[in-house]
């Protein structure tokens, strides 16, 4: 391979890798928020579950000691979010549409109740 052809091949390889990396990075989003009870107190240990409604893909997280959670690198598309903690009603929110580089903050308020109850 001539010197010029070698440089052209390397440049093509690099631009292909960069394009693929950018396409992957742009095709994701993030959901974050804080879980609280009705009085406004933060709730650590809340199980957060998001389901991509078109594919059925599921991602889980648990709130930390400040009641916060983050679900990074989610594929774009429609989602349902559920939050549960023993002694509280399950929280559910549908119609979450993740777009490229969107980062919605979804704060959750759990009401005291039976585990089987969903609001």
PDB file of N, CA and C in Angstrom:
ATOM      1  N   UNK A   1       0.857  -1.177   0.000  1.00  0.00           N
ATOM      2  CA  UNK A   1       0.000   0.000   0.000  1.00  0.00           C
ATOM      3  C   UNK A   1       0.893   1.226   0.000  1.00  0.00           C
ATOM      4  N   UNK A   2       0.586   2.195  -0.830  1.00  0.00           N
ATOM      5  CA  UNK A   2       1.385   3.414  -0.902  1.00  0.00           C
ATOM      6  C   UNK A   2       1.187   4.238   0.360  1.00  0.00           C
ATOM      7  N   UNK A   3       2.093   5.171   0.586  1.00  0.00           N
ATOM      8  CA  UNK A   3       2.022   6.018   1.771  1.00  0.00           C
ATOM      9  C   UNK A   3       0.740   6.808   1.837  1.00  0.00           C
ATOM     10  N   UNK A   4       0.298   7.325   0.695  1.00  0.00           N
ATOM     11  CA  UNK A   4      -0.942   8.110   0.649  1.00  0.00           C
ATOM     12  C   UNK A   4      -2.150   7.232   0.957  1.00  0.00           C
ATOM     13  N   UNK A   5      -2.189   6.033   0.389  1.00  0.00           N
ATOM     14  CA  UNK A   5      -3.291   5.107   0.636  1.00  0.00           C
ATOM     15  C   UNK A   5      -3.371   4.684   2.087  1.00  0.00           C
ATOM     16  N   UNK A   6      -2.197   4.511   2.707  1.00  0.00           N
ATOM     17  CA  UNK A   6      -2.149   4.121   4.120  1.00  0.00           C
ATOM     18  C   UNK A   6      -2.776   5.212   4.990  1.00  0.00           C
ATOM     19  N   UNK A   7      -2.441   6.487   4.720  1.00  0.00           N
ATOM     20  CA  UNK A   7      -2.990   7.588   5.506  1.00  0.00           C
ATOM     21  C   UNK A   7      -4.490   7.739   5.285  1.00  0.00           C
ATOM     22  N   UNK A   8      -4.922   7.503   4.060  1.00  0.00           N
ATOM     23  CA  UNK A   8      -6.341   7.570   3.755  1.00  0.00           C
ATOM     24  C   UNK A   8      -7.103   6.478   4.511  1.00  0.00           C
ATOM     25  N   UNK A   9      -6.558   5.271   4.560  1.00  0.00           N
ATOM     26  CA  UNK A   9      -7.185   4.165   5.287  1.00  0.00           C
ATOM     27  C   UNK A   9      -7.266   4.459   6.775  1.00  0.00           C
ATOM     28  N   UNK A  10      -6.197   5.012   7.332  1.00  0.00           N
ATOM     29  CA  UNK A  10      -6.182   5.347   8.762  1.00  0.00           C
ATOM     30  C   UNK A  10      -7.206   6.441   9.053  1.00  0.00           C
ATOM     31  N   UNK A  11      -7.267   7.458   8.193  1.00  0.00           N
ATOM     32  CA  UNK A  11      -8.232   8.546   8.388  1.00  0.00           C
ATOM     33  C   UNK A  11      -9.663   8.025   8.301  1.00  0.00           C
ATOM     34  N   UNK A  12      -9.914   7.121   7.362  1.00  0.00           N
ATOM     35  CA  UNK A  12     -11.243   6.543   7.220  1.00  0.00           C
ATOM     36  C   UNK A  12     -11.613   5.724   8.445  1.00  0.00           C
ATOM     37  N   UNK A  13     -10.673   4.950   8.964  1.00  0.00           N
ATOM     38  CA  UNK A  13     -10.909   4.145  10.163  1.00  0.00           C
ATOM     39  C   UNK A  13     -11.221   5.036  11.362  1.00  0.00           C
ATOM     40  N   UNK A  14     -10.447   6.093  11.535  1.00  0.00           N
ATOM     41  CA  UNK A  14     -10.667   7.005  12.661  1.00  0.00           C
ATOM     42  C   UNK A  14     -12.021   7.688  12.545  1.00  0.00           C
ATOM     43  N   UNK A  15     -12.371   8.185  11.352  1.00  0.00           N
ATOM     44  CA  UNK A  15     -13.655   8.879  11.207  1.00  0.00           C
ATOM     45  C   UNK A  15     -14.824   7.916  11.406  1.00  0.00           C
ATOM     46  N   UNK A  16     -14.679   6.654  11.010  1.00  0.00           N
ATOM     47  CA  UNK A  16     -15.729   5.665  11.230  1.00  0.00           C
ATOM     48  C   UNK A  16     -15.905   5.405  12.721  1.00  0.00           C
ATOM     49  N   UNK A  17     -14.804   5.265  13.453  1.00  0.00           N
ATOM     50  CA  UNK A  17     -14.878   5.028  14.902  1.00  0.00           C
ATOM     51  C   UNK A  17     -15.506   6.211  15.619  1.00  0.00           C
ATOM     52  N   UNK A  18     -15.120   7.426  15.233  1.00  0.00           N
ATOM     53  CA  UNK A  18     -15.681   8.630  15.859  1.00  0.00           C
ATOM     54  C   UNK A  18     -17.171   8.718  15.567  1.00  0.00           C
ATOM     55  N   UNK A  19     -17.581   8.456  14.341  1.00  0.00           N
ATOM     56  CA  UNK A  19     -19.003   8.514  13.990  1.00  0.00           C
ATOM     57  C   UNK A  19     -19.796   7.494  14.785  1.00  0.00           C
ATOM     58  N   UNK A  20     -19.273   6.287  14.929  1.00  0.00           N
ATOM     59  CA  UNK A  20     -19.979   5.261  15.702  1.00  0.00           C
ATOM     60  C   UNK A  20     -20.063   5.638  17.166  1.00  0.00           C
ATOM     61  N   UNK A  21     -18.981   6.183  17.716  1.00  0.00           N
ATOM     62  CA  UNK A  21     -18.988   6.605  19.121  1.00  0.00           C
ATOM     63  C   UNK A  21     -20.000   7.721  19.337  1.00  0.00           C
ATOM     64  N   UNK A  22     -20.038   8.713  18.444  1.00  0.00           N
ATOM     65  CA  UNK A  22     -20.994   9.811  18.571  1.00  0.00           C
ATOM     66  C   UNK A  22     -22.418   9.321  18.437  1.00  0.00           C
ATOM     67  N   UNK A  23     -22.678   8.411  17.515  1.00  0.00           N
ATOM     68  CA  UNK A  23     -24.031   7.884  17.342  1.00  0.00           C
ATOM     69  C   UNK A  23     -24.473   7.138  18.586  1.00  0.00           C
ATOM     70  N   UNK A  24     -23.581   6.364  19.194  1.00  0.00           N
ATOM     71  CA  UNK A  24     -23.936   5.629  20.404  1.00  0.00           C
ATOM     72  C   UNK A  24     -24.192   6.590  21.547  1.00  0.00           C
ATOM     73  N   UNK A  25     -23.326   7.577  21.705  1.00  0.00           N
ATOM     74  CA  UNK A  25     -23.460   8.516  22.821  1.00  0.00           C
ATOM     75  C   UNK A  25     -24.733   9.337  22.703  1.00  0.00           C
ATOM     76  N   UNK A  26     -25.132   9.668  21.496  1.00  0.00           N
ATOM     77  CA  UNK A  26     -26.303  10.505  21.303  1.00  0.00           C
ATOM     78  C   UNK A  26     -27.608   9.726  21.389  1.00  0.00           C
ATOM     79  N   UNK A  27     -27.550   8.420  21.335  1.00  0.00           N
ATOM     80  CA  UNK A  27     -28.773   7.619  21.317  1.00  0.00           C
ATOM     81  C   UNK A  27     -29.198   7.186  22.717  1.00  0.00           C
ATOM     82  N   UNK A  28     -28.722   7.876  23.732  1.00  0.00           N
ATOM     83  CA  UNK A  28     -29.095   7.530  25.099  1.00  0.00           C
ATOM     84  C   UNK A  28     -29.597   8.756  25.848  1.00  0.00           C
ATOM     85  N   UNK A  29     -30.230   8.475  26.974  1.00  0.00           N
ATOM     86  CA  UNK A  29     -30.738   9.523  27.844  1.00  0.00           C
ATOM     87  C   UNK A  29     -30.610   9.046  29.291  1.00  0.00           C
ATOM     88  N   UNK A  30     -31.079   9.854  30.221  1.00  0.00           N
ATOM     89  CA  UNK A  30     -30.933   9.535  31.642  1.00  0.00           C
ATOM     90  C   UNK A  30     -32.192   9.985  32.375  1.00  0.00           C
ATOM     91  N   UNK A  31     -32.599   9.198  33.359  1.00  0.00           N
ATOM     92  CA  UNK A  31     -33.683   9.596  34.263  1.00  0.00           C
ATOM     93  C   UNK A  31     -33.087   9.660  35.656  1.00  0.00           C
ATOM     94  N   UNK A  32     -33.412  10.721  36.377  1.00  0.00           N
ATOM     95  CA  UNK A  32     -32.956  10.854  37.760  1.00  0.00           C
ATOM     96  C   UNK A  32     -34.065  11.493  38.579  1.00  0.00           C
ATOM     97  N   UNK A  33     -33.890  11.488  39.886  1.00  0.00           N
ATOM     98  CA  UNK A  33     -34.875  12.113  40.754  1.00  0.00           C
ATOM     99  C   UNK A  33     -34.635  11.777  42.201  1.00  0.00           C
ATOM    100  N   UNK A  34     -35.608  12.134  43.029  1.00  0.00           N
ATOM    101  CA  UNK A  34     -35.557  11.898  44.462  1.00  0.00           C
ATOM    102  C   UNK A  34     -36.884  11.302  44.907  1.00  0.00           C
ATOM    103  N   UNK A  35     -36.810  10.339  45.806  1.00  0.00           N
ATOM    104  CA  UNK A  35     -38.022   9.736  46.373  1.00  0.00           C
ATOM    105  C   UNK A  35     -38.247  10.300  47.772  1.00  0.00           C
ATOM    106  N   UNK A  36     -39.491  10.710  48.027  1.00  0.00           N
ATOM    107  CA  UNK A  36     -39.875  11.273  49.328  1.00  0.00           C
ATOM    108  C   UNK A  36     -41.201  10.676  49.768  1.00  0.00           C
ATOM    109  N   UNK A  37     -41.482  10.797  51.068  1.00  0.00           N
ATOM    110  CA  UNK A  37     -42.800  10.409  51.554  1.00  0.00           C
ATOM    111  C   UNK A  37     -43.704  11.645  51.513  1.00  0.00           C
ATOM    112  N   UNK A  38     -44.945  11.491  51.942  1.00  0.00           N
ATOM    113  CA  UNK A  38     -45.913  12.595  51.877  1.00  0.00           C
ATOM    114  C   UNK A  38     -45.512  13.800  52.711  1.00  0.00           C
ATOM    115  N   UNK A  39     -44.711  13.591  53.757  1.00  0.00           N
ATOM    116  CA  UNK A  39     -44.283  14.712  54.599  1.00  0.00           C
ATOM    117  C   UNK A  39     -43.075  15.435  54.019  1.00  0.00           C
ATOM    118  N   UNK A  40     -42.486  14.891  52.947  1.00  0.00           N
ATOM    119  CA  UNK A  40     -41.317  15.512  52.322  1.00  0.00           C
ATOM    120  C   UNK A  40     -39.996  14.897  52.748  1.00  0.00           C
ATOM    121  N   UNK A  41     -40.043  13.915  53.650  1.00  0.00           N
ATOM    122  CA  UNK A  41     -38.803  13.252  54.091  1.00  0.00           C
ATOM    123  C   UNK A  41     -38.272  12.360  52.969  1.00  0.00           C
ATOM    124  N   UNK A  42     -36.950  12.378  52.781  1.00  0.00           N
ATOM    125  CA  UNK A  42     -36.357  11.536  51.742  1.00  0.00           C
ATOM    126  C   UNK A  42     -36.455  10.070  52.140  1.00  0.00           C
ATOM    127  N   UNK A  43     -36.538   9.218  51.125  1.00  0.00           N
ATOM    128  CA  UNK A  43     -36.687   7.779  51.351  1.00  0.00           C
ATOM    129  C   UNK A  43     -35.528   7.008  50.714  1.00  0.00           C
ATOM    130  N   UNK A  44     -34.574   6.571  51.510  1.00  0.00           N
ATOM    131  CA  UNK A  44     -33.535   5.701  50.972  1.00  0.00           C
ATOM    132  C   UNK A  44     -34.082   4.282  50.787  1.00  0.00           C
ATOM    133  N   UNK A  45     -33.477   3.529  49.876  1.00  0.00           N
ATOM    134  CA  UNK A  45     -33.851   2.133  49.691  1.00  0.00           C
ATOM    135  C   UNK A  45     -35.077   1.892  48.829  1.00  0.00           C
ATOM    136  N   UNK A  46     -35.579   2.927  48.164  1.00  0.00           N
ATOM    137  CA  UNK A  46     -36.727   2.751  47.269  1.00  0.00           C
ATOM    138  C   UNK A  46     -36.238   2.072  45.987  1.00  0.00           C
ATOM    139  N   UNK A  47     -36.941   1.029  45.583  1.00  0.00           N
ATOM    140  CA  UNK A  47     -36.607   0.342  44.339  1.00  0.00           C
ATOM    141  C   UNK A  47     -37.240   1.090  43.181  1.00  0.00           C
ATOM    142  N   UNK A  48     -36.399   1.544  42.260  1.00  0.00           N
ATOM    143  CA  UNK A  48     -36.845   2.263  41.068  1.00  0.00           C
ATOM    144  C   UNK A  48     -36.677   1.318  39.886  1.00  0.00           C
ATOM    145  N   UNK A  49     -37.730   1.208  39.085  1.00  0.00           N
ATOM    146  CA  UNK A  49     -37.697   0.303  37.930  1.00  0.00           C
ATOM    147  C   UNK A  49     -38.258   1.046  36.726  1.00  0.00           C
ATOM    148  N   UNK A  50     -37.489   1.094  35.642  1.00  0.00           N
ATOM    149  CA  UNK A  50     -38.000   1.678  34.409  1.00  0.00           C
ATOM    150  C   UNK A  50     -38.084   0.577  33.360  1.00  0.00           C
ATOM    151  N   UNK A  51     -39.182   0.608  32.620  1.00  0.00           N
ATOM    152  CA  UNK A  51     -39.423  -0.364  31.557  1.00  0.00           C
ATOM    153  C   UNK A  51     -39.595   0.393  30.256  1.00  0.00           C
ATOM    154  N   UNK A  52     -38.794   0.032  29.252  1.00  0.00           N
ATOM    155  CA  UNK A  52     -38.976   0.613  27.925  1.00  0.00           C
ATOM    156  C   UNK A  52     -40.177  -0.098  27.317  1.00  0.00           C
ATOM    157  N   UNK A  53     -41.267   0.627  27.134  1.00  0.00           N
ATOM    158  CA  UNK A  53     -42.541  -0.006  26.788  1.00  0.00           C
ATOM    159  C   UNK A  53     -42.568  -0.629  25.396  1.00  0.00           C
ATOM    160  N   UNK A  54     -41.732  -0.172  24.481  1.00  0.00           N
ATOM    161  CA  UNK A  54     -41.707  -0.766  23.139  1.00  0.00           C
ATOM    162  C   UNK A  54     -40.973  -2.103  23.111  1.00  0.00           C
ATOM    163  N   UNK A  55     -39.926  -2.234  23.936  1.00  0.00           N
ATOM    164  CA  UNK A  55     -39.082  -3.435  23.882  1.00  0.00           C
ATOM    165  C   UNK A  55     -39.228  -4.347  25.095  1.00  0.00           C
ATOM    166  N   UNK A  56     -39.761  -3.805  26.190  1.00  0.00           N
ATOM    167  CA  UNK A  56     -39.850  -4.582  27.426  1.00  0.00           C
ATOM    168  C   UNK A  56     -38.560  -4.580  28.217  1.00  0.00           C
ATOM    169  N   UNK A  57     -37.551  -3.848  27.746  1.00  0.00           N
ATOM    170  CA  UNK A  57     -36.272  -3.759  28.467  1.00  0.00           C
ATOM    171  C   UNK A  57     -36.456  -3.095  29.817  1.00  0.00           C
ATOM    172  N   UNK A  58     -35.802  -3.644  30.844  1.00  0.00           N
ATOM    173  CA  UNK A  58     -35.961  -3.155  32.218  1.00  0.00           C
ATOM    174  C   UNK A  58     -34.607  -2.754  32.788  1.00  0.00           C
ATOM    175  N   UNK A  59     -34.586  -1.622  33.506  1.00  0.00           N
ATOM    176  CA  UNK A  59     -33.409  -1.193  34.269  1.00  0.00           C
ATOM    177  C   UNK A  59     -33.878  -0.878  35.675  1.00  0.00           C
ATOM    178  N   UNK A  60     -33.041  -1.203  36.653  1.00  0.00           N
ATOM    179  CA  UNK A  60     -33.371  -0.997  38.062  1.00  0.00           C
ATOM    180  C   UNK A  60     -32.327  -0.133  38.747  1.00  0.00           C
ATOM    181  N   UNK A  61     -32.770   0.529  39.800  1.00  0.00           N
ATOM    182  CA  UNK A  61     -31.885   1.307  40.655  1.00  0.00           C
ATOM    183  C   UNK A  61     -32.507   1.328  42.042  1.00  0.00           C
ATOM    184  N   UNK A  62     -31.735   1.746  43.024  1.00  0.00           N
ATOM    185  CA  UNK A  62     -32.223   1.899  44.394  1.00  0.00           C
ATOM    186  C   UNK A  62     -31.792   3.275  44.875  1.00  0.00           C
ATOM    187  N   UNK A  63     -32.701   3.990  45.535  1.00  0.00           N
ATOM    188  CA  UNK A  63     -32.343   5.321  46.026  1.00  0.00           C
ATOM    189  C   UNK A  63     -31.282   5.219  47.116  1.00  0.00           C
ATOM    190  N   UNK A  64     -30.397   6.213  47.129  1.00  0.00           N
ATOM    191  CA  UNK A  64     -29.315   6.241  48.114  1.00  0.00           C
ATOM    192  C   UNK A  64     -29.785   6.882  49.429  1.00  0.00           C
ATOM    193  N   UNK A  65     -28.842   7.197  50.301  1.00  0.00           N
ATOM    194  CA  UNK A  65     -29.192   7.726  51.627  1.00  0.00           C
ATOM    195  C   UNK A  65     -29.865   9.090  51.567  1.00  0.00           C
ATOM    196  N   UNK A  66     -29.742   9.804  50.443  1.00  0.00           N
ATOM    197  CA  UNK A  66     -30.419  11.099  50.297  1.00  0.00           C
ATOM    198  C   UNK A  66     -31.702  10.973  49.479  1.00  0.00           C
ATOM    199  N   UNK A  67     -32.114   9.724  49.197  1.00  0.00           N
ATOM    200  CA  UNK A  67     -33.337   9.488  48.439  1.00  0.00           C
ATOM    201  C   UNK A  67     -33.185   9.660  46.941  1.00  0.00           C
ATOM    202  N   UNK A  68     -31.964   9.855  46.460  1.00  0.00           N
ATOM    203  CA  UNK A  68     -31.715  10.122  45.046  1.00  0.00           C
ATOM    204  C   UNK A  68     -31.438   8.845  44.261  1.00  0.00           C
ATOM    205  N   UNK A  69     -31.772   8.887  42.981  1.00  0.00           N
ATOM    206  CA  UNK A  69     -31.458   7.791  42.071  1.00  0.00           C
ATOM    207  C   UNK A  69     -31.075   8.364  40.714  1.00  0.00           C
ATOM    208  N   UNK A  70     -30.315   7.585  39.953  1.00  0.00           N
ATOM    209  CA  UNK A  70     -29.938   7.946  38.588  1.00  0.00           C
ATOM    210  C   UNK A  70     -29.946   6.673  37.762  1.00  0.00           C
ATOM    211  N   UNK A  71     -30.564   6.734  36.605  1.00  0.00           N
ATOM    212  CA  UNK A  71     -30.542   5.639  35.630  1.00  0.00           C
ATOM    213  C   UNK A  71     -29.934   6.200  34.348  1.00  0.00           C
ATOM    214  N   UNK A  72     -28.604   6.069  34.180  1.00  0.00           N
ATOM    215  CA  UNK A  72     -27.936   6.632  33.011  1.00  0.00           C
ATOM    216  C   UNK A  72     -27.973   5.686  31.809  1.00  0.00           C
ATOM    217  N   UNK A  73     -27.607   6.221  30.668  1.00  0.00           N
ATOM    218  CA  UNK A  73     -27.419   5.448  29.432  1.00  0.00           C
ATOM    219  C   UNK A  73     -28.638   4.619  29.036  1.00  0.00           C
ATOM    220  N   UNK A  74     -29.814   5.206  29.149  1.00  0.00           N
ATOM    221  CA  UNK A  74     -31.041   4.521  28.722  1.00  0.00           C
ATOM    222  C   UNK A  74     -31.252   4.744  27.228  1.00  0.00           C
ATOM    223  N   UNK A  75     -31.595   3.696  26.490  1.00  0.00           N
ATOM    224  CA  UNK A  75     -31.917   3.890  25.074  1.00  0.00           C
ATOM    225  C   UNK A  75     -33.129   4.817  24.941  1.00  0.00           C
ATOM    226  N   UNK A  76     -33.150   5.610  23.891  1.00  0.00           N
ATOM    227  CA  UNK A  76     -34.279   6.520  23.703  1.00  0.00           C
ATOM    228  C   UNK A  76     -35.547   5.719  23.423  1.00  0.00           C
ATOM    229  N   UNK A  77     -36.694   6.329  23.736  1.00  0.00           N
ATOM    230  CA  UNK A  77     -37.972   5.677  23.522  1.00  0.00           C
ATOM    231  C   UNK A  77     -38.917   5.933  24.676  1.00  0.00           C
ATOM    232  N   UNK A  78     -40.096   5.290  24.649  1.00  0.00           N
ATOM    233  CA  UNK A  78     -41.099   5.476  25.707  1.00  0.00           C
ATOM    234  C   UNK A  78     -40.826   4.573  26.914  1.00  0.00           C
ATOM    235  N   UNK A  79     -41.078   5.107  28.106  1.00  0.00           N
ATOM    236  CA  UNK A  79     -40.804   4.375  29.344  1.00  0.00           C
ATOM    237  C   UNK A  79     -41.958   4.476  30.339  1.00  0.00           C
ATOM    238  N   UNK A  80     -41.971   3.524  31.247  1.00  0.00           N
ATOM    239  CA  UNK A  80     -42.826   3.534  32.435  1.00  0.00           C
ATOM    240  C   UNK A  80     -41.877   3.444  33.624  1.00  0.00           C
ATOM    241  N   UNK A  81     -42.127   4.261  34.657  1.00  0.00           N
ATOM    242  CA  UNK A  81     -41.316   4.243  35.873  1.00  0.00           C
ATOM    243  C   UNK A  81     -42.175   3.770  37.030  1.00  0.00           C
ATOM    244  N   UNK A  82     -41.627   2.861  37.836  1.00  0.00           N
ATOM    245  CA  UNK A  82     -42.302   2.385  39.049  1.00  0.00           C
ATOM    246  C   UNK A  82     -41.337   2.523  40.221  1.00  0.00           C
ATOM    247  N   UNK A  83     -41.895   2.879  41.378  1.00  0.00           N
ATOM    248  CA  UNK A  83     -41.101   3.007  42.599  1.00  0.00           C
ATOM    249  C   UNK A  83     -41.824   2.276  43.717  1.00  0.00           C
ATOM    250  N   UNK A  84     -41.079   1.452  44.467  1.00  0.00           N
ATOM    251  CA  UNK A  84     -41.723   0.695  45.546  1.00  0.00           C
ATOM    252  C   UNK A  84     -40.819   0.590  46.763  1.00  0.00           C
ATOM    253  N   UNK A  85     -41.467   0.553  47.911  1.00  0.00           N
ATOM    254  CA  UNK A  85     -40.804   0.402  49.201  1.00  0.00           C
ATOM    255  C   UNK A  85     -41.817  -0.236  50.145  1.00  0.00           C
ATOM    256  N   UNK A  86     -41.428  -1.289  50.867  1.00  0.00           N
ATOM    257  CA  UNK A  86     -42.379  -1.921  51.790  1.00  0.00           C
ATOM    258  C   UNK A  86     -43.008  -0.902  52.740  1.00  0.00           C
ATOM    259  N   UNK A  87     -44.333  -1.028  52.905  1.00  0.00           N
ATOM    260  CA  UNK A  87     -45.083  -0.119  53.765  1.00  0.00           C
ATOM    261  C   UNK A  87     -45.672   1.070  53.023  1.00  0.00           C
ATOM    262  N   UNK A  88     -45.355   1.178  51.725  1.00  0.00           N
ATOM    263  CA  UNK A  88     -45.847   2.283  50.907  1.00  0.00           C
ATOM    264  C   UNK A  88     -46.552   1.742  49.671  1.00  0.00           C
ATOM    265  N   UNK A  89     -47.467   2.542  49.134  1.00  0.00           N
ATOM    266  CA  UNK A  89     -48.118   2.192  47.875  1.00  0.00           C
ATOM    267  C   UNK A  89     -47.092   2.311  46.747  1.00  0.00           C
ATOM    268  N   UNK A  90     -47.207   1.459  45.761  1.00  0.00           N
ATOM    269  CA  UNK A  90     -46.318   1.530  44.608  1.00  0.00           C
ATOM    270  C   UNK A  90     -46.686   2.735  43.759  1.00  0.00           C
ATOM    271  N   UNK A  91     -45.680   3.473  43.358  1.00  0.00           N
ATOM    272  CA  UNK A  91     -45.855   4.643  42.493  1.00  0.00           C
ATOM    273  C   UNK A  91     -45.597   4.201  41.056  1.00  0.00           C
ATOM    274  N   UNK A  92     -46.405   4.652  40.115  1.00  0.00           N
ATOM    275  CA  UNK A  92     -46.199   4.335  38.704  1.00  0.00           C
ATOM    276  C   UNK A  92     -46.469   5.576  37.859  1.00  0.00           C
ATOM    277  N   UNK A  93     -45.602   5.793  36.882  1.00  0.00           N
ATOM    278  CA  UNK A  93     -45.791   6.892  35.934  1.00  0.00           C
ATOM    279  C   UNK A  93     -45.500   6.364  34.535  1.00  0.00           C
ATOM    280  N   UNK A  94     -46.451   6.572  33.633  1.00  0.00           N
ATOM    281  CA  UNK A  94     -46.288   6.144  32.243  1.00  0.00           C
ATOM    282  C   UNK A  94     -46.133   7.368  31.351  1.00  0.00           C
ATOM    283  N   UNK A  95     -45.900   7.129  30.089  1.00  0.00           N
ATOM    284  CA  UNK A  95     -45.822   8.229  29.128  1.00  0.00           C
ATOM    285  C   UNK A  95     -44.539   9.021  29.185  1.00  0.00           C
ATOM    286  N   UNK A  96     -43.470   8.435  29.698  1.00  0.00           N
ATOM    287  CA  UNK A  96     -42.177   9.114  29.740  1.00  0.00           C
ATOM    288  C   UNK A  96     -41.505   8.867  28.391  1.00  0.00           C
ATOM    289  N   UNK A  97     -41.267   9.916  27.643  1.00  0.00           N
ATOM    290  CA  UNK A  97     -40.660   9.788  26.310  1.00  0.00           C
ATOM    291  C   UNK A  97     -39.236  10.321  26.368  1.00  0.00           C
ATOM    292  N   UNK A  98     -38.269   9.419  26.308  1.00  0.00           N
ATOM    293  CA  UNK A  98     -36.874   9.841  26.321  1.00  0.00           C
ATOM    294  C   UNK A  98     -36.416  10.150  24.906  1.00  0.00           C
ATOM    295  N   UNK A  99     -35.864  11.347  24.734  1.00  0.00           N
ATOM    296  CA  UNK A  99     -35.322  11.804  23.463  1.00  0.00           C
ATOM    297  C   UNK A  99     -33.793  11.807  23.587  1.00  0.00           C
ATOM    298  N   UNK A 100     -33.117  11.989  22.485  1.00  0.00           N
ATOM    299  CA  UNK A 100     -31.658  12.028  22.481  1.00  0.00           C
ATOM    300  C   UNK A 100     -31.179  13.093  23.469  1.00  0.00           C
ATOM    301  N   UNK A 101     -30.271  12.686  24.344  1.00  0.00           N
ATOM    302  CA  UNK A 101     -29.669  13.561  25.352  1.00  0.00           C
ATOM    303  C   UNK A 101     -30.668  14.204  26.311  1.00  0.00           C
ATOM    304  N   UNK A 102     -31.879  13.652  26.434  1.00  0.00           N
ATOM    305  CA  UNK A 102     -32.821  14.205  27.414  1.00  0.00           C
ATOM    306  C   UNK A 102     -32.496  13.620  28.780  1.00  0.00           C
ATOM    307  N   UNK A 103     -32.722  14.389  29.795  1.00  0.00           N
ATOM    308  CA  UNK A 103     -32.417  13.973  31.157  1.00  0.00           C
ATOM    309  C   UNK A 103     -33.531  14.407  32.100  1.00  0.00           C
ATOM    310  N   UNK A 104     -34.730  13.835  31.961  1.00  0.00           N
ATOM    311  CA  UNK A 104     -35.824  14.280  32.829  1.00  0.00           C
ATOM    312  C   UNK A 104     -35.575  13.937  34.293  1.00  0.00           C
ATOM    313  N   UNK A 105     -35.998  14.826  35.150  1.00  0.00           N
ATOM    314  CA  UNK A 105     -35.955  14.596  36.595  1.00  0.00           C
ATOM    315  C   UNK A 105     -37.368  14.201  37.004  1.00  0.00           C
ATOM    316  N   UNK A 106     -37.501  12.983  37.520  1.00  0.00           N
ATOM    317  CA  UNK A 106     -38.809  12.485  37.940  1.00  0.00           C
ATOM    318  C   UNK A 106     -38.742  12.223  39.441  1.00  0.00           C
ATOM    319  N   UNK A 107     -39.294  13.166  40.192  1.00  0.00           N
ATOM    320  CA  UNK A 107     -39.349  13.018  41.642  1.00  0.00           C
ATOM    321  C   UNK A 107     -40.581  12.202  42.007  1.00  0.00           C
ATOM    322  N   UNK A 108     -40.412  11.326  42.966  1.00  0.00           N
ATOM    323  CA  UNK A 108     -41.446  10.371  43.346  1.00  0.00           C
ATOM    324  C   UNK A 108     -41.906  10.675  44.769  1.00  0.00           C
ATOM    325  N   UNK A 109     -43.221  10.691  44.981  1.00  0.00           N
ATOM    326  CA  UNK A 109     -43.780  10.808  46.328  1.00  0.00           C
ATOM    327  C   UNK A 109     -44.553   9.534  46.623  1.00  0.00           C
ATOM    328  N   UNK A 110     -44.105   8.801  47.631  1.00  0.00           N
ATOM    329  CA  UNK A 110     -44.766   7.559  48.017  1.00  0.00           C
ATOM    330  C   UNK A 110     -45.723   7.824  49.173  1.00  0.00           C
ATOM    331  N   UNK A 111     -46.899   7.214  49.059  1.00  0.00           N
ATOM    332  CA  UNK A 111     -47.908   7.338  50.107  1.00  0.00           C
ATOM    333  C   UNK A 111     -47.916   6.077  50.961  1.00  0.00           C
ATOM    334  N   UNK A 112     -48.112   6.273  52.247  1.00  0.00           N
ATOM    335  CA  UNK A 112     -48.191   5.124  53.150  1.00  0.00           C
ATOM    336  C   UNK A 112     -49.382   4.257  52.746  1.00  0.00           C
ATOM    337  N   UNK A 113     -49.197   2.953  52.729  1.00  0.00           N
ATOM    338  CA  UNK A 113     -50.280   2.062  52.334  1.00  0.00           C
ATOM    339  C   UNK A 113     -49.772   0.642  52.213  1.00  0.00           C
ATOM    340  N   UNK A 114     -50.577  -0.184  51.636  1.00  0.00           N
ATOM    341  CA  UNK A 114     -50.226  -1.570  51.439  1.00  0.00           C
ATOM    342  C   UNK A 114     -49.311  -1.708  50.236  1.00  0.00           C
ATOM    343  N   UNK A 115     -48.419  -2.666  50.280  1.00  0.00           N
ATOM    344  CA  UNK A 115     -47.475  -2.888  49.194  1.00  0.00           C
ATOM    345  C   UNK A 115     -48.190  -3.173  47.875  1.00  0.00           C
ATOM    346  N   UNK A 116     -49.327  -3.830  47.918  1.00  0.00           N
ATOM    347  CA  UNK A 116     -50.053  -4.226  46.713  1.00  0.00           C
ATOM    348  C   UNK A 116     -50.769  -3.057  46.044  1.00  0.00           C
ATOM    349  N   UNK A 117     -50.904  -1.909  46.714  1.00  0.00           N
ATOM    350  CA  UNK A 117     -51.599  -0.780  46.149  1.00  0.00           C
ATOM    351  C   UNK A 117     -50.709   0.010  45.206  1.00  0.00           C
ATOM    352  N   UNK A 118     -51.240   0.433  44.071  1.00  0.00           N
ATOM    353  CA  UNK A 118     -50.522   1.246  43.106  1.00  0.00           C
ATOM    354  C   UNK A 118     -51.298   2.531  42.899  1.00  0.00           C
ATOM    355  N   UNK A 119     -50.551   3.665  42.906  1.00  0.00           N
ATOM    356  CA  UNK A 119     -51.211   4.953  42.658  1.00  0.00           C
ATOM    357  C   UNK A 119     -50.797   5.481  41.318  1.00  0.00           C
TER     358      UNK A 119
END
